[in-house]
């Protein structure tokens, strides 16, 4: 990530990171609530140029994901709906991209344990 993008992300998401609603560097993960019933989670599914692995495998981001996607989902006192989204879907039927086995293996189980609405 370029220095200018890094500065932008820090200025835009640092307060959310301090509150546990975001995880930065490398990549960008954040969540926000819409009313009292819905929480949207953004997951960065890109591959880190520096580490050669998906940024969701970074230890800091993994802890953030586990906190953001608690076991039992709505039974944990959170919103009724948690909807994760990302640029690269875990499952893909398109002719230009294949399914993402790393995400299916390591992230989809977190969606399932948190009883997320996902596709």
N, C-alpha and C. Protein backbone atom coordinates (compact mmCIF):
# COMPACT_ATOMS: atom_id res chain seq x y z
N UNK A 1 0.85 -1.16 0.00
CA UNK A 1 0.00 0.00 0.00
C UNK A 1 0.90 1.23 0.00
N UNK A 2 0.56 2.20 -0.82
CA UNK A 2 1.38 3.40 -0.90
C UNK A 2 1.26 4.22 0.38
N UNK A 3 2.22 5.10 0.60
CA UNK A 3 2.22 5.93 1.80
C UNK A 3 0.99 6.84 1.84
N UNK A 4 0.57 7.35 0.68
CA UNK A 4 -0.60 8.24 0.68
C UNK A 4 -1.87 7.47 1.05
N UNK A 5 -2.03 6.23 0.55
CA UNK A 5 -3.19 5.43 0.93
C UNK A 5 -3.14 5.08 2.41
N UNK A 6 -1.96 4.76 2.89
CA UNK A 6 -1.81 4.44 4.31
C UNK A 6 -2.22 5.62 5.18
N UNK A 7 -1.80 6.82 4.81
CA UNK A 7 -2.19 8.02 5.56
C UNK A 7 -3.71 8.23 5.51
N UNK A 8 -4.29 7.99 4.31
CA UNK A 8 -5.74 8.15 4.18
C UNK A 8 -6.47 7.16 5.10
N UNK A 9 -6.07 5.89 5.04
CA UNK A 9 -6.72 4.88 5.89
C UNK A 9 -6.57 5.21 7.36
N UNK A 10 -5.39 5.66 7.75
CA UNK A 10 -5.16 6.03 9.15
C UNK A 10 -6.09 7.18 9.55
N UNK A 11 -6.20 8.21 8.69
CA UNK A 11 -7.05 9.36 9.04
C UNK A 11 -8.53 8.97 9.04
N UNK A 12 -8.93 8.07 8.15
CA UNK A 12 -10.33 7.71 8.02
C UNK A 12 -10.78 6.66 9.04
N UNK A 13 -9.90 5.70 9.38
CA UNK A 13 -10.32 4.55 10.16
C UNK A 13 -9.62 4.39 11.51
N UNK A 14 -8.69 5.26 11.87
CA UNK A 14 -7.93 5.10 13.12
C UNK A 14 -8.86 5.11 14.35
N UNK A 15 -9.80 6.04 14.38
CA UNK A 15 -10.72 6.09 15.54
C UNK A 15 -11.54 4.81 15.64
N UNK A 16 -11.99 4.28 14.49
CA UNK A 16 -12.74 3.03 14.50
C UNK A 16 -11.86 1.87 14.96
N UNK A 17 -10.58 1.90 14.58
CA UNK A 17 -9.67 0.85 15.03
C UNK A 17 -9.50 0.91 16.54
N UNK A 18 -9.36 2.13 17.08
CA UNK A 18 -9.20 2.30 18.52
C UNK A 18 -10.42 1.78 19.28
N UNK A 19 -11.60 1.84 18.65
CA UNK A 19 -12.84 1.37 19.27
C UNK A 19 -13.13 -0.10 18.98
N UNK A 20 -12.25 -0.77 18.24
CA UNK A 20 -12.45 -2.17 17.91
C UNK A 20 -13.35 -2.41 16.71
N UNK A 21 -13.71 -1.34 15.99
CA UNK A 21 -14.59 -1.48 14.83
C UNK A 21 -13.83 -1.59 13.52
N UNK A 22 -12.49 -1.56 13.58
CA UNK A 22 -11.68 -1.69 12.36
C UNK A 22 -10.34 -2.32 12.71
N UNK A 23 -9.68 -2.84 11.68
CA UNK A 23 -8.34 -3.39 11.81
C UNK A 23 -7.57 -2.98 10.56
N UNK A 24 -6.45 -2.30 10.75
CA UNK A 24 -5.69 -1.74 9.64
C UNK A 24 -4.29 -2.31 9.56
N UNK A 25 -3.74 -2.21 8.38
CA UNK A 25 -2.31 -2.37 8.11
C UNK A 25 -1.73 -3.70 8.52
N UNK A 26 -1.61 -4.66 7.65
CA UNK A 26 -1.91 -4.53 6.23
C UNK A 26 -3.40 -4.73 5.96
N UNK A 27 -3.88 -4.11 4.92
CA UNK A 27 -5.27 -4.28 4.53
C UNK A 27 -6.23 -3.41 5.33
N UNK A 28 -7.50 -3.67 5.12
CA UNK A 28 -8.55 -2.88 5.76
C UNK A 28 -9.73 -3.77 6.08
N UNK A 29 -10.07 -3.83 7.34
CA UNK A 29 -11.23 -4.55 7.84
C UNK A 29 -12.03 -3.56 8.68
N UNK A 30 -13.34 -3.49 8.51
CA UNK A 30 -14.13 -2.60 9.35
C UNK A 30 -15.56 -3.11 9.43
N UNK A 31 -16.28 -2.58 10.41
CA UNK A 31 -17.69 -2.92 10.57
C UNK A 31 -18.44 -1.69 11.02
N UNK A 32 -19.72 -1.66 10.66
CA UNK A 32 -20.57 -0.56 11.10
C UNK A 32 -21.98 -1.08 11.27
N UNK A 33 -22.68 -0.46 12.19
CA UNK A 33 -24.04 -0.87 12.49
C UNK A 33 -25.03 0.05 11.78
N UNK A 34 -26.10 -0.55 11.26
CA UNK A 34 -27.18 0.17 10.61
C UNK A 34 -28.42 -0.06 11.47
N UNK A 35 -28.80 0.96 12.23
CA UNK A 35 -29.90 0.77 13.16
C UNK A 35 -29.49 -0.19 14.27
N UNK A 36 -30.48 -0.85 14.86
CA UNK A 36 -30.16 -1.78 15.95
C UNK A 36 -30.13 -3.23 15.49
N UNK A 37 -30.53 -3.50 14.24
CA UNK A 37 -30.68 -4.87 13.80
C UNK A 37 -29.60 -5.38 12.84
N UNK A 38 -28.83 -4.49 12.25
CA UNK A 38 -27.93 -4.89 11.18
C UNK A 38 -26.51 -4.40 11.39
N UNK A 39 -25.54 -5.30 11.22
CA UNK A 39 -24.13 -4.93 11.23
C UNK A 39 -23.51 -5.43 9.93
N UNK A 40 -22.77 -4.54 9.26
CA UNK A 40 -22.08 -4.85 8.01
C UNK A 40 -20.60 -4.97 8.33
N UNK A 41 -19.96 -6.03 7.84
CA UNK A 41 -18.53 -6.25 8.06
C UNK A 41 -17.81 -6.29 6.71
N UNK A 42 -16.76 -5.50 6.57
CA UNK A 42 -15.94 -5.51 5.37
C UNK A 42 -14.67 -6.29 5.66
N UNK A 43 -14.41 -7.30 4.86
CA UNK A 43 -13.20 -8.13 5.00
C UNK A 43 -12.30 -7.91 3.81
N UNK A 44 -11.04 -7.69 4.06
CA UNK A 44 -10.05 -7.54 3.00
C UNK A 44 -9.58 -8.93 2.59
N UNK A 45 -9.80 -9.30 1.33
CA UNK A 45 -9.45 -10.63 0.86
C UNK A 45 -8.28 -10.59 -0.12
N UNK A 46 -7.57 -9.46 -0.18
CA UNK A 46 -6.43 -9.38 -1.08
C UNK A 46 -5.24 -10.15 -0.53
N UNK A 47 -4.28 -10.38 -1.39
CA UNK A 47 -3.06 -11.07 -1.01
C UNK A 47 -2.00 -10.00 -0.72
N UNK A 48 -1.35 -10.07 0.40
CA UNK A 48 -0.33 -9.10 0.80
C UNK A 48 0.91 -9.25 -0.07
N UNK A 49 1.31 -8.16 -0.71
CA UNK A 49 2.52 -8.19 -1.54
C UNK A 49 3.76 -8.45 -0.70
N UNK A 50 3.77 -7.95 0.52
CA UNK A 50 4.95 -8.07 1.37
C UNK A 50 5.09 -9.46 1.99
N UNK A 51 3.96 -10.05 2.37
CA UNK A 51 4.00 -11.33 3.07
C UNK A 51 3.69 -12.52 2.18
N UNK A 52 3.07 -12.28 1.03
CA UNK A 52 2.72 -13.37 0.13
C UNK A 52 1.56 -14.22 0.60
N UNK A 53 0.78 -13.73 1.55
CA UNK A 53 -0.39 -14.45 2.07
C UNK A 53 -1.58 -13.49 2.07
N UNK A 54 -2.75 -14.05 2.21
CA UNK A 54 -3.95 -13.21 2.30
C UNK A 54 -3.92 -12.42 3.60
N UNK A 55 -4.35 -11.17 3.53
CA UNK A 55 -4.27 -10.34 4.72
C UNK A 55 -5.21 -10.83 5.82
N UNK A 56 -6.25 -11.61 5.48
CA UNK A 56 -7.11 -12.14 6.55
C UNK A 56 -6.38 -13.20 7.38
N UNK A 57 -5.21 -13.65 6.93
CA UNK A 57 -4.41 -14.59 7.71
C UNK A 57 -3.47 -13.89 8.69
N UNK A 58 -3.36 -12.58 8.61
CA UNK A 58 -2.55 -11.82 9.57
C UNK A 58 -3.11 -12.03 10.98
N UNK A 59 -2.25 -12.28 11.95
CA UNK A 59 -2.71 -12.57 13.33
C UNK A 59 -3.63 -11.50 13.89
N UNK A 60 -3.28 -10.23 13.68
CA UNK A 60 -4.09 -9.13 14.21
C UNK A 60 -5.48 -9.14 13.58
N UNK A 61 -5.55 -9.34 12.27
CA UNK A 61 -6.85 -9.37 11.59
C UNK A 61 -7.65 -10.61 11.98
N UNK A 62 -6.97 -11.71 12.18
CA UNK A 62 -7.65 -12.95 12.58
C UNK A 62 -8.34 -12.76 13.93
N UNK A 63 -7.64 -12.13 14.87
CA UNK A 63 -8.26 -11.85 16.19
C UNK A 63 -9.45 -10.92 16.02
N UNK A 64 -9.32 -9.90 15.17
CA UNK A 64 -10.42 -8.96 14.93
C UNK A 64 -11.62 -9.70 14.35
N UNK A 65 -11.37 -10.57 13.36
CA UNK A 65 -12.46 -11.35 12.76
C UNK A 65 -13.15 -12.25 13.78
N UNK A 66 -12.38 -12.89 14.63
CA UNK A 66 -12.96 -13.76 15.64
C UNK A 66 -13.82 -12.97 16.63
N UNK A 67 -13.41 -11.75 16.97
CA UNK A 67 -14.21 -10.89 17.85
C UNK A 67 -15.45 -10.36 17.13
N UNK A 68 -15.30 -10.01 15.85
CA UNK A 68 -16.41 -9.44 15.08
C UNK A 68 -17.45 -10.49 14.70
N UNK A 69 -17.02 -11.75 14.66
CA UNK A 69 -17.92 -12.85 14.30
C UNK A 69 -18.00 -13.84 15.46
N UNK A 70 -18.68 -13.45 16.55
CA UNK A 70 -18.71 -14.29 17.76
C UNK A 70 -19.52 -15.57 17.57
N UNK A 71 -19.13 -16.57 18.30
CA UNK A 71 -19.85 -17.85 18.31
C UNK A 71 -21.32 -17.61 18.67
N UNK A 72 -22.21 -18.15 17.88
CA UNK A 72 -23.63 -18.05 18.18
C UNK A 72 -24.32 -16.85 17.59
N UNK A 73 -23.56 -15.92 17.03
CA UNK A 73 -24.15 -14.78 16.34
C UNK A 73 -25.08 -13.96 17.20
N UNK A 74 -26.36 -13.90 16.83
CA UNK A 74 -27.32 -13.03 17.51
C UNK A 74 -27.56 -13.43 18.96
N UNK A 75 -27.30 -14.67 19.28
CA UNK A 75 -27.46 -15.12 20.66
C UNK A 75 -26.42 -14.50 21.58
N UNK A 76 -25.40 -13.86 21.01
CA UNK A 76 -24.35 -13.26 21.82
C UNK A 76 -24.67 -11.81 22.21
N UNK A 77 -25.89 -11.35 21.96
CA UNK A 77 -26.28 -10.00 22.34
C UNK A 77 -26.00 -8.96 21.28
N UNK A 78 -25.58 -9.39 20.11
CA UNK A 78 -25.29 -8.46 19.01
C UNK A 78 -26.52 -8.18 18.18
N UNK A 79 -26.31 -7.60 17.01
CA UNK A 79 -27.43 -7.31 16.12
C UNK A 79 -28.07 -8.59 15.59
N UNK A 80 -29.29 -8.49 15.12
CA UNK A 80 -30.00 -9.66 14.60
C UNK A 80 -29.35 -10.17 13.31
N UNK A 81 -28.77 -9.27 12.53
CA UNK A 81 -28.14 -9.64 11.26
C UNK A 81 -26.72 -9.14 11.21
N UNK A 82 -25.79 -10.01 10.83
CA UNK A 82 -24.40 -9.63 10.51
C UNK A 82 -24.16 -10.07 9.08
N UNK A 83 -23.79 -9.12 8.24
CA UNK A 83 -23.57 -9.45 6.83
C UNK A 83 -22.13 -9.07 6.46
N UNK A 84 -21.28 -10.08 6.25
CA UNK A 84 -19.92 -9.80 5.80
C UNK A 84 -19.90 -9.61 4.28
N UNK A 85 -18.98 -8.74 3.82
CA UNK A 85 -18.79 -8.61 2.38
C UNK A 85 -17.31 -8.42 2.09
N UNK A 86 -16.93 -8.74 0.87
CA UNK A 86 -15.54 -8.60 0.45
C UNK A 86 -15.49 -8.51 -1.07
N UNK A 87 -14.36 -8.10 -1.58
CA UNK A 87 -14.19 -7.95 -3.03
C UNK A 87 -14.10 -9.30 -3.74
N UNK A 88 -13.44 -10.25 -3.12
CA UNK A 88 -13.28 -11.58 -3.71
C UNK A 88 -14.18 -12.57 -2.98
N UNK A 89 -15.26 -13.03 -3.61
CA UNK A 89 -16.15 -13.95 -2.91
C UNK A 89 -15.49 -15.31 -2.70
N UNK A 90 -15.90 -15.98 -1.64
CA UNK A 90 -15.37 -17.32 -1.36
C UNK A 90 -15.75 -18.29 -2.47
N UNK A 91 -16.99 -18.23 -2.90
CA UNK A 91 -17.49 -19.11 -3.94
C UNK A 91 -17.78 -18.30 -5.19
N UNK A 92 -17.34 -18.76 -6.33
CA UNK A 92 -17.53 -18.02 -7.56
C UNK A 92 -17.89 -18.98 -8.69
N UNK A 93 -18.89 -18.62 -9.46
CA UNK A 93 -19.29 -19.44 -10.60
C UNK A 93 -18.92 -18.76 -11.92
N UNK A 94 -18.27 -17.62 -11.82
CA UNK A 94 -17.94 -16.85 -13.03
C UNK A 94 -16.80 -17.47 -13.82
N UNK A 95 -16.72 -17.14 -15.09
CA UNK A 95 -15.70 -17.73 -15.95
C UNK A 95 -14.30 -17.13 -15.74
N UNK A 96 -14.20 -15.98 -15.10
CA UNK A 96 -12.90 -15.30 -14.98
C UNK A 96 -12.21 -15.51 -13.64
N UNK A 97 -12.92 -15.99 -12.65
CA UNK A 97 -12.34 -16.19 -11.33
C UNK A 97 -12.80 -17.53 -10.77
N UNK A 98 -11.94 -18.13 -10.02
CA UNK A 98 -12.27 -19.40 -9.38
C UNK A 98 -12.68 -19.15 -7.94
N UNK A 99 -13.20 -20.19 -7.30
CA UNK A 99 -13.49 -20.10 -5.87
C UNK A 99 -12.18 -19.81 -5.13
N UNK A 100 -12.29 -19.31 -3.93
CA UNK A 100 -11.12 -18.94 -3.15
C UNK A 100 -10.96 -19.93 -2.00
N UNK A 101 -10.21 -21.03 -2.20
CA UNK A 101 -10.14 -22.08 -1.19
C UNK A 101 -9.59 -21.62 0.16
N UNK A 102 -8.68 -20.64 0.16
CA UNK A 102 -8.15 -20.13 1.44
C UNK A 102 -9.25 -19.49 2.27
N UNK A 103 -10.12 -18.76 1.61
CA UNK A 103 -11.23 -18.12 2.32
C UNK A 103 -12.27 -19.16 2.75
N UNK A 104 -12.53 -20.14 1.88
CA UNK A 104 -13.49 -21.19 2.23
C UNK A 104 -13.00 -21.95 3.46
N UNK A 105 -11.71 -22.21 3.52
CA UNK A 105 -11.13 -22.98 4.62
C UNK A 105 -11.02 -22.18 5.92
N UNK A 106 -10.66 -20.89 5.83
CA UNK A 106 -10.32 -20.15 7.05
C UNK A 106 -11.29 -19.04 7.45
N UNK A 107 -12.12 -18.56 6.53
CA UNK A 107 -13.04 -17.48 6.87
C UNK A 107 -14.50 -17.94 6.91
N UNK A 108 -14.90 -18.75 5.95
CA UNK A 108 -16.29 -19.23 5.91
C UNK A 108 -16.69 -19.92 7.23
N UNK A 109 -15.80 -20.71 7.86
CA UNK A 109 -16.20 -21.28 9.16
C UNK A 109 -16.53 -20.22 10.22
N UNK A 110 -15.89 -19.05 10.15
CA UNK A 110 -16.24 -17.97 11.08
C UNK A 110 -17.62 -17.42 10.78
N UNK A 111 -17.98 -17.33 9.49
CA UNK A 111 -19.34 -16.90 9.13
C UNK A 111 -20.35 -17.89 9.70
N UNK A 112 -20.06 -19.16 9.53
CA UNK A 112 -21.01 -20.19 9.97
C UNK A 112 -21.17 -20.20 11.48
N UNK A 113 -20.08 -20.09 12.21
CA UNK A 113 -20.19 -20.13 13.68
C UNK A 113 -20.92 -18.91 14.22
N UNK A 114 -20.84 -17.79 13.49
CA UNK A 114 -21.53 -16.56 13.91
C UNK A 114 -22.94 -16.47 13.33
N UNK A 115 -23.36 -17.49 12.62
CA UNK A 115 -24.69 -17.56 12.02
C UNK A 115 -24.94 -16.31 11.19
N UNK A 116 -24.01 -16.00 10.28
CA UNK A 116 -24.10 -14.82 9.42
C UNK A 116 -24.99 -15.08 8.22
N UNK A 117 -25.55 -13.99 7.71
CA UNK A 117 -26.21 -14.03 6.42
C UNK A 117 -25.10 -13.78 5.40
N UNK A 118 -24.81 -14.77 4.58
CA UNK A 118 -23.73 -14.62 3.62
C UNK A 118 -24.05 -15.42 2.37
N UNK A 119 -23.38 -15.07 1.32
CA UNK A 119 -23.54 -15.84 0.07
C UNK A 119 -22.29 -15.72 -0.74
